[in-house]
Amino acid sequence: MAVTALNLTAGPGVLYSGAFGATEPADSTVNTTPSASTWGDVGGTNDGVKITITQDYFVLDVDQVVDVPGRRLSKRDVKVETNLAEPTLANLALVLNEPSSTITASAAFSTFDPSNTNAATQPTYKALLFDGWAPGASAGGWNRRIIVRKVLSLEGTEPMYKKDDQTVFKVTFGAHYVSSSIRPFRVVDQTA
């Protein structure tokens, strides 16, 4: 098998967050920064951004043959994991599924007050947009954009304040069903 060296990729990307249902950039703008009024750059990340797509299949089975005759997809789980290297109040609100209105800013200080919700309350879903490197790049590099349309942060966070380590917000976002006509995620590669 021949190896196409231009299909090999490495390097960091940029993670953005937006409101659930945010206007997505046109596919033709895959090589440009998304609108700052719609997509907020979460800042630096630490240890990369990992996108995991897990598919669970159940086995179809019959008595007449010993081989597995087929499988059917029963579940797809998409997750985005990273460490937010800038432990800002905006990133804390993002990690805790809070609306940005829970942050109050003044000239001398900012405050974060989490909302008082219960288990029956609809959470504040977000959207994520990740710009990284695409295979087949020219000398200047081509972009891959991954848009995850409806996410929630699935875990809490444990920021550590240590003399010999960086403080980060570890976060795992899980994707969710949007509708029968809108898929939960989209991948766009620049090709020219």
N, C-alpha and C. Protein backbone atom coordinates (compact mmCIF):
# COMPACT_ATOMS: atom_id res chain seq x y z
N MET A 1 0.84 -1.18 0.00
CA MET A 1 0.00 0.00 0.00
C MET A 1 0.89 1.24 0.00
N ALA A 2 0.59 2.15 -0.89
CA ALA A 2 1.34 3.40 -0.97
C ALA A 2 0.88 4.36 0.12
N VAL A 3 1.81 5.12 0.64
CA VAL A 3 1.50 6.12 1.64
C VAL A 3 1.50 7.49 0.98
N THR A 4 0.43 8.25 1.22
CA THR A 4 0.34 9.63 0.73
C THR A 4 0.73 10.55 1.88
N ALA A 5 1.93 11.07 1.84
CA ALA A 5 2.46 11.86 2.97
C ALA A 5 1.58 13.07 3.27
N LEU A 6 0.95 13.67 2.25
CA LEU A 6 0.10 14.84 2.50
C LEU A 6 -1.17 14.48 3.28
N ASN A 7 -1.50 13.21 3.39
CA ASN A 7 -2.68 12.79 4.17
C ASN A 7 -2.37 12.64 5.65
N LEU A 8 -1.11 12.77 6.05
CA LEU A 8 -0.74 12.67 7.45
C LEU A 8 -0.94 14.03 8.11
N THR A 9 -1.54 14.04 9.28
CA THR A 9 -1.81 15.30 9.96
C THR A 9 -1.30 15.26 11.39
N ALA A 10 -1.02 16.41 11.92
CA ALA A 10 -0.63 16.58 13.32
C ALA A 10 -0.83 18.05 13.67
N GLY A 11 -0.92 18.32 14.92
CA GLY A 11 -0.98 19.70 15.35
C GLY A 11 -2.28 20.03 16.07
N PRO A 12 -2.27 21.15 16.79
CA PRO A 12 -3.44 21.55 17.57
C PRO A 12 -4.51 22.17 16.69
N GLY A 13 -5.66 22.34 17.28
CA GLY A 13 -6.76 23.04 16.63
C GLY A 13 -7.32 24.08 17.56
N VAL A 14 -8.42 24.69 17.16
CA VAL A 14 -9.06 25.73 17.95
C VAL A 14 -10.50 25.31 18.23
N LEU A 15 -10.93 25.41 19.49
CA LEU A 15 -12.27 25.02 19.90
C LEU A 15 -13.10 26.27 20.18
N TYR A 16 -14.30 26.29 19.63
CA TYR A 16 -15.24 27.39 19.82
C TYR A 16 -16.53 26.84 20.42
N SER A 17 -17.26 27.68 21.15
CA SER A 17 -18.58 27.29 21.63
C SER A 17 -19.59 28.33 21.17
N GLY A 18 -20.80 27.87 20.99
CA GLY A 18 -21.90 28.75 20.60
C GLY A 18 -23.18 28.24 21.22
N ALA A 19 -24.24 28.98 21.04
CA ALA A 19 -25.54 28.56 21.54
C ALA A 19 -26.05 27.38 20.73
N PHE A 20 -26.85 26.54 21.34
CA PHE A 20 -27.51 25.47 20.60
C PHE A 20 -28.38 26.12 19.52
N GLY A 21 -28.23 25.67 18.29
CA GLY A 21 -28.96 26.27 17.17
C GLY A 21 -28.24 27.44 16.53
N ALA A 22 -27.00 27.70 16.96
CA ALA A 22 -26.23 28.83 16.40
C ALA A 22 -26.08 28.68 14.89
N THR A 23 -26.07 29.80 14.19
CA THR A 23 -25.86 29.79 12.75
C THR A 23 -24.47 29.24 12.45
N GLU A 24 -24.44 28.22 11.63
CA GLU A 24 -23.17 27.58 11.29
C GLU A 24 -22.53 28.30 10.11
N PRO A 25 -21.20 28.40 10.11
CA PRO A 25 -20.52 29.00 8.97
C PRO A 25 -20.78 28.16 7.71
N ALA A 26 -20.81 28.81 6.56
CA ALA A 26 -20.97 28.09 5.30
C ALA A 26 -19.80 27.14 5.11
N ASP A 27 -20.05 26.00 4.49
CA ASP A 27 -18.98 25.03 4.23
C ASP A 27 -17.84 25.66 3.46
N SER A 28 -18.15 26.59 2.57
CA SER A 28 -17.13 27.24 1.74
C SER A 28 -16.19 28.11 2.54
N THR A 29 -16.52 28.41 3.81
CA THR A 29 -15.66 29.25 4.65
C THR A 29 -14.85 28.42 5.64
N VAL A 30 -14.65 27.13 5.33
CA VAL A 30 -13.95 26.22 6.23
C VAL A 30 -12.54 26.71 6.58
N ASN A 31 -11.95 27.52 5.73
CA ASN A 31 -10.58 28.01 5.97
C ASN A 31 -10.55 29.39 6.63
N THR A 32 -11.68 29.87 7.15
CA THR A 32 -11.70 31.17 7.82
C THR A 32 -12.22 31.02 9.24
N THR A 33 -11.89 31.97 10.07
CA THR A 33 -12.34 31.98 11.46
C THR A 33 -13.85 32.21 11.50
N PRO A 34 -14.58 31.43 12.30
CA PRO A 34 -16.03 31.64 12.38
C PRO A 34 -16.37 32.98 13.04
N SER A 35 -17.57 33.46 12.80
CA SER A 35 -18.02 34.75 13.33
C SER A 35 -17.89 34.80 14.86
N ALA A 36 -17.16 35.80 15.35
CA ALA A 36 -16.94 35.94 16.79
C ALA A 36 -18.22 36.29 17.54
N SER A 37 -19.20 36.86 16.85
CA SER A 37 -20.46 37.19 17.52
C SER A 37 -21.32 35.95 17.74
N THR A 38 -21.02 34.86 17.04
CA THR A 38 -21.78 33.62 17.17
C THR A 38 -20.98 32.53 17.87
N TRP A 39 -19.68 32.44 17.57
CA TRP A 39 -18.83 31.37 18.07
C TRP A 39 -17.71 31.96 18.91
N GLY A 40 -17.71 31.69 20.21
CA GLY A 40 -16.67 32.19 21.11
C GLY A 40 -15.51 31.23 21.22
N ASP A 41 -14.32 31.72 20.99
CA ASP A 41 -13.10 30.93 21.15
C ASP A 41 -12.92 30.63 22.63
N VAL A 42 -12.80 29.36 23.01
CA VAL A 42 -12.65 29.00 24.42
C VAL A 42 -11.23 29.23 24.92
N GLY A 43 -10.33 29.62 24.03
CA GLY A 43 -8.95 29.88 24.43
C GLY A 43 -8.10 28.64 24.31
N GLY A 44 -6.97 28.67 24.97
CA GLY A 44 -6.02 27.57 24.88
C GLY A 44 -6.56 26.28 25.47
N THR A 45 -6.09 25.18 24.90
CA THR A 45 -6.39 23.85 25.45
C THR A 45 -5.07 23.20 25.82
N ASN A 46 -5.15 22.17 26.65
CA ASN A 46 -3.96 21.48 27.11
C ASN A 46 -4.16 19.99 26.87
N ASP A 47 -3.20 19.33 26.24
CA ASP A 47 -3.27 17.90 25.89
C ASP A 47 -4.21 17.62 24.74
N GLY A 48 -4.49 18.61 23.89
CA GLY A 48 -5.26 18.39 22.68
C GLY A 48 -6.76 18.35 22.89
N VAL A 49 -7.46 18.16 21.78
CA VAL A 49 -8.92 18.00 21.77
C VAL A 49 -9.19 16.63 21.16
N LYS A 50 -9.90 15.78 21.90
CA LYS A 50 -10.17 14.42 21.43
C LYS A 50 -11.64 14.30 21.07
N ILE A 51 -11.90 13.83 19.85
CA ILE A 51 -13.26 13.58 19.39
C ILE A 51 -13.41 12.06 19.33
N THR A 52 -14.36 11.52 20.06
CA THR A 52 -14.59 10.09 20.11
C THR A 52 -15.97 9.78 19.55
N ILE A 53 -16.03 8.87 18.59
CA ILE A 53 -17.31 8.41 18.04
C ILE A 53 -17.39 6.92 18.32
N THR A 54 -18.27 6.53 19.23
CA THR A 54 -18.45 5.14 19.61
C THR A 54 -19.76 4.63 18.99
N GLN A 55 -19.69 3.46 18.35
CA GLN A 55 -20.88 2.86 17.77
C GLN A 55 -21.11 1.50 18.41
N ASP A 56 -22.33 1.26 18.88
CA ASP A 56 -22.70 -0.03 19.45
C ASP A 56 -23.63 -0.74 18.48
N TYR A 57 -23.30 -1.99 18.17
CA TYR A 57 -24.12 -2.82 17.29
C TYR A 57 -24.62 -4.02 18.06
N PHE A 58 -25.86 -4.43 17.81
CA PHE A 58 -26.31 -5.71 18.36
C PHE A 58 -26.27 -6.74 17.24
N VAL A 59 -26.11 -7.99 17.64
CA VAL A 59 -25.92 -9.09 16.70
C VAL A 59 -27.27 -9.71 16.34
N LEU A 60 -27.49 -9.88 15.05
CA LEU A 60 -28.62 -10.68 14.58
C LEU A 60 -28.19 -12.13 14.66
N ASP A 61 -29.08 -13.00 15.08
CA ASP A 61 -28.69 -14.38 15.34
C ASP A 61 -29.77 -15.33 14.83
N VAL A 62 -29.36 -16.45 14.29
CA VAL A 62 -30.28 -17.51 13.86
C VAL A 62 -29.71 -18.85 14.32
N ASP A 63 -30.60 -19.81 14.47
CA ASP A 63 -30.18 -21.15 14.91
C ASP A 63 -29.46 -21.93 13.81
N GLN A 64 -29.73 -21.62 12.56
CA GLN A 64 -29.28 -22.46 11.46
C GLN A 64 -27.82 -22.27 11.05
N VAL A 65 -27.17 -21.19 11.46
CA VAL A 65 -25.76 -20.98 11.09
C VAL A 65 -24.96 -20.56 12.32
N VAL A 66 -23.68 -20.91 12.32
CA VAL A 66 -22.83 -20.55 13.46
C VAL A 66 -22.22 -19.16 13.33
N ASP A 67 -22.18 -18.66 12.11
CA ASP A 67 -21.62 -17.34 11.89
C ASP A 67 -22.65 -16.25 12.22
N VAL A 68 -22.14 -15.08 12.52
CA VAL A 68 -23.02 -13.94 12.77
C VAL A 68 -23.56 -13.47 11.41
N PRO A 69 -24.88 -13.54 11.17
CA PRO A 69 -25.41 -13.17 9.87
C PRO A 69 -25.46 -11.66 9.63
N GLY A 70 -25.45 -10.86 10.67
CA GLY A 70 -25.49 -9.41 10.48
C GLY A 70 -25.53 -8.68 11.80
N ARG A 71 -25.48 -7.39 11.71
CA ARG A 71 -25.54 -6.53 12.89
C ARG A 71 -26.37 -5.29 12.56
N ARG A 72 -26.91 -4.67 13.59
CA ARG A 72 -27.65 -3.42 13.44
C ARG A 72 -27.14 -2.42 14.47
N LEU A 73 -27.00 -1.18 14.01
CA LEU A 73 -26.56 -0.10 14.90
C LEU A 73 -27.65 0.20 15.92
N SER A 74 -27.27 0.19 17.19
CA SER A 74 -28.25 0.47 18.25
C SER A 74 -27.95 1.77 19.00
N LYS A 75 -26.73 2.27 18.87
CA LYS A 75 -26.39 3.50 19.60
C LYS A 75 -25.12 4.10 19.02
N ARG A 76 -25.10 5.42 18.90
CA ARG A 76 -23.89 6.15 18.53
C ARG A 76 -23.68 7.22 19.58
N ASP A 77 -22.49 7.29 20.13
CA ASP A 77 -22.17 8.24 21.19
C ASP A 77 -20.96 9.06 20.75
N VAL A 78 -21.15 10.36 20.62
CA VAL A 78 -20.08 11.27 20.20
C VAL A 78 -19.68 12.12 21.39
N LYS A 79 -18.38 12.17 21.65
CA LYS A 79 -17.87 12.98 22.77
C LYS A 79 -16.70 13.84 22.31
N VAL A 80 -16.57 15.00 22.93
CA VAL A 80 -15.45 15.90 22.71
C VAL A 80 -14.81 16.12 24.07
N GLU A 81 -13.51 15.78 24.18
CA GLU A 81 -12.82 15.89 25.47
C GLU A 81 -11.60 16.80 25.33
N THR A 82 -11.39 17.62 26.34
CA THR A 82 -10.20 18.47 26.36
C THR A 82 -9.99 19.00 27.77
N ASN A 83 -8.89 19.69 27.94
CA ASN A 83 -8.63 20.47 29.14
C ASN A 83 -8.60 21.93 28.72
N LEU A 84 -9.51 22.72 29.26
CA LEU A 84 -9.52 24.14 28.95
C LEU A 84 -8.42 24.79 29.77
N ALA A 85 -7.39 25.28 29.09
CA ALA A 85 -6.19 25.79 29.76
C ALA A 85 -6.37 27.19 30.33
N GLU A 86 -7.46 27.86 29.95
CA GLU A 86 -7.74 29.19 30.48
C GLU A 86 -8.95 29.08 31.41
N PRO A 87 -8.70 28.97 32.73
CA PRO A 87 -9.79 28.76 33.67
C PRO A 87 -10.58 30.05 33.97
N THR A 88 -11.18 30.60 32.93
CA THR A 88 -11.96 31.84 33.06
C THR A 88 -13.36 31.53 33.59
N LEU A 89 -14.06 32.56 34.03
CA LEU A 89 -15.44 32.37 34.47
C LEU A 89 -16.32 31.93 33.31
N ALA A 90 -16.06 32.43 32.11
CA ALA A 90 -16.83 32.01 30.93
C ALA A 90 -16.64 30.51 30.67
N ASN A 91 -15.42 30.02 30.82
CA ASN A 91 -15.18 28.59 30.63
C ASN A 91 -15.78 27.77 31.78
N LEU A 92 -15.78 28.31 32.99
CA LEU A 92 -16.43 27.61 34.10
C LEU A 92 -17.93 27.47 33.82
N ALA A 93 -18.56 28.53 33.33
CA ALA A 93 -19.98 28.46 32.99
C ALA A 93 -20.22 27.43 31.88
N LEU A 94 -19.33 27.37 30.90
CA LEU A 94 -19.44 26.39 29.81
C LEU A 94 -19.34 24.96 30.36
N VAL A 95 -18.36 24.71 31.22
CA VAL A 95 -18.15 23.38 31.79
C VAL A 95 -19.33 22.95 32.67
N LEU A 96 -19.99 23.90 33.31
CA LEU A 96 -21.10 23.58 34.21
C LEU A 96 -22.47 23.71 33.54
N ASN A 97 -22.49 23.84 32.20
CA ASN A 97 -23.74 23.96 31.44
C ASN A 97 -24.59 25.13 31.89
N GLU A 98 -23.94 26.21 32.21
CA GLU A 98 -24.64 27.40 32.67
C GLU A 98 -24.73 28.42 31.53
N PRO A 99 -25.80 29.20 31.49
CA PRO A 99 -25.86 30.28 30.50
C PRO A 99 -24.84 31.36 30.86
N SER A 100 -24.38 32.09 29.85
CA SER A 100 -23.38 33.14 30.11
C SER A 100 -23.94 34.25 30.98
N SER A 101 -25.26 34.33 31.12
CA SER A 101 -25.86 35.38 31.96
C SER A 101 -25.57 35.18 33.44
N THR A 102 -24.97 34.05 33.82
CA THR A 102 -24.63 33.82 35.22
C THR A 102 -23.33 34.53 35.60
N ILE A 103 -22.72 35.22 34.64
CA ILE A 103 -21.49 35.98 34.91
C ILE A 103 -21.83 37.47 34.89
N THR A 104 -21.42 38.16 35.94
CA THR A 104 -21.63 39.60 36.03
C THR A 104 -20.27 40.27 36.06
N ALA A 105 -20.07 41.25 35.18
CA ALA A 105 -18.78 41.93 35.10
C ALA A 105 -18.92 43.39 35.52
N SER A 106 -17.91 43.87 36.21
CA SER A 106 -17.82 45.30 36.53
C SER A 106 -16.42 45.76 36.16
N ALA A 107 -16.12 47.01 36.44
CA ALA A 107 -14.80 47.54 36.08
C ALA A 107 -13.69 46.88 36.89
N ALA A 108 -13.98 46.48 38.12
CA ALA A 108 -12.93 45.97 39.00
C ALA A 108 -12.99 44.47 39.26
N PHE A 109 -14.11 43.82 38.96
CA PHE A 109 -14.22 42.39 39.24
C PHE A 109 -15.35 41.77 38.43
N SER A 110 -15.34 40.45 38.36
CA SER A 110 -16.43 39.68 37.74
C SER A 110 -16.85 38.61 38.72
N THR A 111 -18.13 38.22 38.65
CA THR A 111 -18.64 37.18 39.53
C THR A 111 -19.38 36.12 38.71
N PHE A 112 -19.38 34.91 39.25
CA PHE A 112 -20.14 33.81 38.67
C PHE A 112 -21.05 33.26 39.74
N ASP A 113 -22.34 33.24 39.48
CA ASP A 113 -23.31 32.65 40.39
C ASP A 113 -24.06 31.57 39.63
N PRO A 114 -23.86 30.29 39.99
CA PRO A 114 -24.58 29.24 39.27
C PRO A 114 -26.08 29.38 39.48
N SER A 115 -26.84 28.95 38.49
CA SER A 115 -28.29 29.03 38.60
C SER A 115 -28.80 27.97 39.58
N ASN A 116 -29.98 28.20 40.11
CA ASN A 116 -30.63 27.24 40.99
C ASN A 116 -31.57 26.41 40.14
N THR A 117 -31.14 25.22 39.78
CA THR A 117 -31.97 24.35 38.95
C THR A 117 -32.20 23.03 39.66
N ASN A 118 -33.17 22.28 39.15
CA ASN A 118 -33.38 20.93 39.67
C ASN A 118 -33.32 19.95 38.52
N ALA A 119 -33.44 18.67 38.81
CA ALA A 119 -33.26 17.65 37.80
C ALA A 119 -34.29 17.72 36.68
N ALA A 120 -35.45 18.30 36.93
CA ALA A 120 -36.50 18.37 35.92
C ALA A 120 -36.31 19.54 34.95
N THR A 121 -35.38 20.43 35.22
CA THR A 121 -35.15 21.60 34.38
C THR A 121 -34.37 21.22 33.13
N GLN A 122 -34.78 21.75 31.98
CA GLN A 122 -34.02 21.53 30.74
C GLN A 122 -32.64 22.16 30.90
N PRO A 123 -31.60 21.42 30.60
CA PRO A 123 -30.25 22.00 30.69
C PRO A 123 -30.00 22.98 29.55
N THR A 124 -28.95 23.75 29.69
CA THR A 124 -28.56 24.71 28.66
C THR A 124 -27.62 24.01 27.69
N TYR A 125 -28.16 23.55 26.58
CA TYR A 125 -27.34 22.90 25.55
C TYR A 125 -26.51 23.96 24.84
N LYS A 126 -25.38 23.54 24.35
CA LYS A 126 -24.48 24.39 23.58
C LYS A 126 -24.15 23.71 22.26
N ALA A 127 -23.42 24.39 21.42
CA ALA A 127 -22.87 23.82 20.19
C ALA A 127 -21.36 24.03 20.24
N LEU A 128 -20.61 23.12 19.63
CA LEU A 128 -19.15 23.24 19.55
C LEU A 128 -18.72 23.26 18.10
N LEU A 129 -17.67 23.99 17.83
CA LEU A 129 -17.06 24.03 16.51
C LEU A 129 -15.56 23.88 16.73
N PHE A 130 -14.97 22.92 16.04
CA PHE A 130 -13.54 22.66 16.18
C PHE A 130 -12.88 22.80 14.82
N ASP A 131 -11.84 23.62 14.74
CA ASP A 131 -11.04 23.76 13.52
C ASP A 131 -9.68 23.13 13.75
N GLY A 132 -9.38 22.13 12.95
CA GLY A 132 -8.09 21.45 13.01
C GLY A 132 -7.53 21.30 11.61
N TRP A 133 -6.66 20.32 11.42
CA TRP A 133 -5.98 20.10 10.14
C TRP A 133 -6.64 18.99 9.37
N ALA A 134 -6.75 19.17 8.06
CA ALA A 134 -7.35 18.15 7.19
C ALA A 134 -6.27 17.41 6.42
N PRO A 135 -6.51 16.15 6.08
CA PRO A 135 -5.59 15.40 5.22
C PRO A 135 -5.57 15.99 3.81
N GLY A 136 -4.49 15.71 3.09
CA GLY A 136 -4.37 16.16 1.72
C GLY A 136 -3.98 17.61 1.58
N ALA A 137 -3.45 18.17 2.63
CA ALA A 137 -3.18 19.60 2.67
C ALA A 137 -2.10 20.03 1.68
N SER A 138 -2.27 21.24 1.21
CA SER A 138 -1.23 21.86 0.41
C SER A 138 -0.11 22.30 1.35
N ALA A 139 0.89 22.96 0.81
CA ALA A 139 2.02 23.40 1.64
C ALA A 139 1.57 24.32 2.77
N GLY A 140 0.52 25.12 2.55
CA GLY A 140 0.04 26.05 3.57
C GLY A 140 -0.89 25.41 4.58
N GLY A 141 -1.35 24.20 4.33
CA GLY A 141 -2.26 23.52 5.25
C GLY A 141 -3.71 23.74 4.90
N TRP A 142 -4.51 22.70 5.05
CA TRP A 142 -5.95 22.77 4.85
C TRP A 142 -6.66 22.50 6.15
N ASN A 143 -7.85 23.04 6.30
CA ASN A 143 -8.60 22.91 7.54
C ASN A 143 -9.62 21.79 7.49
N ARG A 144 -9.87 21.21 8.66
CA ARG A 144 -11.01 20.34 8.90
C ARG A 144 -11.83 21.02 9.98
N ARG A 145 -13.12 21.16 9.72
CA ARG A 145 -14.04 21.77 10.69
C ARG A 145 -15.03 20.70 11.13
N ILE A 146 -15.15 20.54 12.45
CA ILE A 146 -16.12 19.62 13.01
C ILE A 146 -17.10 20.44 13.84
N ILE A 147 -18.37 20.34 13.47
CA ILE A 147 -19.43 21.06 14.19
C ILE A 147 -20.26 20.01 14.92
N VAL A 148 -20.34 20.15 16.24
CA VAL A 148 -21.17 19.27 17.06
C VAL A 148 -22.32 20.15 17.54
N ARG A 149 -23.52 19.84 17.09
CA ARG A 149 -24.62 20.79 17.14
C ARG A 149 -25.36 20.91 18.47
N LYS A 150 -25.32 19.88 19.30
CA LYS A 150 -26.07 19.94 20.57
C LYS A 150 -25.28 19.15 21.61
N VAL A 151 -24.64 19.86 22.53
CA VAL A 151 -23.78 19.20 23.52
C VAL A 151 -24.10 19.65 24.93
N LEU A 152 -23.72 18.80 25.85
CA LEU A 152 -23.72 19.11 27.28
C LEU A 152 -22.39 18.66 27.85
N SER A 153 -21.90 19.39 28.81
CA SER A 153 -20.76 18.92 29.59
C SER A 153 -21.28 17.81 30.49
N LEU A 154 -20.62 16.64 30.44
CA LEU A 154 -21.15 15.46 31.12
C LEU A 154 -20.64 15.25 32.53
N GLU A 155 -19.59 15.92 32.91
CA GLU A 155 -19.00 15.68 34.21
C GLU A 155 -18.77 17.00 34.93
N GLY A 156 -18.43 16.92 36.17
CA GLY A 156 -18.02 18.10 36.90
C GLY A 156 -16.58 18.45 36.55
N THR A 157 -16.02 19.39 37.26
CA THR A 157 -14.63 19.75 37.03
C THR A 157 -13.91 19.85 38.36
N GLU A 158 -12.61 19.61 38.34
CA GLU A 158 -11.80 19.66 39.55
C GLU A 158 -10.55 20.49 39.29
N PRO A 159 -10.68 21.80 39.20
CA PRO A 159 -9.47 22.59 38.96
C PRO A 159 -8.51 22.48 40.14
N MET A 160 -7.25 22.24 39.81
CA MET A 160 -6.22 22.10 40.83
C MET A 160 -5.35 23.36 40.82
N TYR A 161 -5.07 23.87 41.98
CA TYR A 161 -4.17 25.00 42.14
C TYR A 161 -2.93 24.49 42.86
N LYS A 162 -1.88 24.22 42.07
CA LYS A 162 -0.66 23.64 42.62
C LYS A 162 0.53 24.48 42.19
N LYS A 163 1.58 24.44 42.98
CA LYS A 163 2.76 25.25 42.66
C LYS A 163 3.51 24.74 41.45
N ASP A 164 3.34 23.46 41.09
CA ASP A 164 4.13 22.90 40.00
C ASP A 164 3.28 22.32 38.86
N ASP A 165 2.05 22.81 38.73
CA ASP A 165 1.20 22.32 37.66
C ASP A 165 0.21 23.39 37.24
N GLN A 166 -0.23 23.32 36.01
CA GLN A 166 -1.14 24.31 35.45
C GLN A 166 -2.58 24.00 35.86
N THR A 167 -3.35 25.04 36.12
CA THR A 167 -4.76 24.89 36.44
C THR A 167 -5.55 24.82 35.14
N VAL A 168 -6.37 23.79 35.01
CA VAL A 168 -7.20 23.61 33.81
C VAL A 168 -8.59 23.15 34.23
N PHE A 169 -9.56 23.33 33.34
CA PHE A 169 -10.88 22.75 33.50
C PHE A 169 -10.95 21.54 32.57
N LYS A 170 -10.93 20.34 33.14
CA LYS A 170 -11.10 19.13 32.34
C LYS A 170 -12.57 19.03 31.99
N VAL A 171 -12.88 18.74 30.72
CA VAL A 171 -14.28 18.70 30.30
C VAL A 171 -14.50 17.61 29.25
N THR A 172 -15.63 16.95 29.37
CA THR A 172 -16.11 16.00 28.37
C THR A 172 -17.50 16.43 27.95
N PHE A 173 -17.65 16.76 26.67
CA PHE A 173 -18.95 17.14 26.12
C PHE A 173 -19.54 15.93 25.40
N GLY A 174 -20.82 15.67 25.61
CA GLY A 174 -21.52 14.61 24.90
C GLY A 174 -22.49 15.20 23.90
N ALA A 175 -22.53 14.64 22.69
CA ALA A 175 -23.43 15.11 21.65
C ALA A 175 -24.80 14.46 21.83
N HIS A 176 -25.83 15.13 21.32
CA HIS A 176 -27.20 14.65 21.45
C HIS A 176 -27.95 14.76 20.13
N TYR A 177 -28.99 13.98 20.02
CA TYR A 177 -29.90 14.00 18.87
C TYR A 177 -30.48 15.40 18.70
N VAL A 178 -30.55 15.88 17.46
CA VAL A 178 -31.15 17.19 17.20
C VAL A 178 -32.52 17.02 16.58
N SER A 179 -32.61 16.45 15.39
CA SER A 179 -33.90 16.17 14.75
C SER A 179 -33.67 15.19 13.61
N SER A 180 -34.76 14.75 12.99
CA SER A 180 -34.63 13.79 11.89
C SER A 180 -33.97 14.41 10.67
N SER A 181 -33.98 15.73 10.55
CA SER A 181 -33.36 16.39 9.39
C SER A 181 -32.03 17.06 9.71
N ILE A 182 -31.69 17.19 10.99
CA ILE A 182 -30.42 17.82 11.39
C ILE A 182 -29.59 16.79 12.14
N ARG A 183 -28.46 16.44 11.58
CA ARG A 183 -27.59 15.43 12.19
C ARG A 183 -26.86 16.02 13.39
N PRO A 184 -26.42 15.17 14.34
CA PRO A 184 -25.77 15.68 15.54
C PRO A 184 -24.40 16.31 15.29
N PHE A 185 -23.72 15.91 14.20
CA PHE A 185 -22.43 16.53 13.91
C PHE A 185 -22.19 16.56 12.41
N ARG A 186 -21.25 17.41 12.00
CA ARG A 186 -20.89 17.57 10.59
C ARG A 186 -19.39 17.76 10.52
N VAL A 187 -18.76 17.15 9.53
CA VAL A 187 -17.32 17.29 9.30
C VAL A 187 -17.14 17.87 7.91
N VAL A 188 -16.37 18.97 7.83
CA VAL A 188 -16.12 19.64 6.55
C VAL A 188 -14.60 19.73 6.36
N ASP A 189 -14.10 19.21 5.26
CA ASP A 189 -12.69 19.30 4.92
C ASP A 189 -12.48 20.29 3.78
N GLN A 190 -11.50 21.15 3.94
CA GLN A 190 -11.06 22.02 2.85
C GLN A 190 -10.31 21.16 1.84
N THR A 191 -10.59 21.35 0.56
CA THR A 191 -9.93 20.53 -0.47
C THR A 191 -9.23 21.37 -1.53
N ALA A 192 -9.32 22.65 -1.43
CA ALA A 192 -8.65 23.51 -2.41
C ALA A 192 -8.31 24.85 -1.79
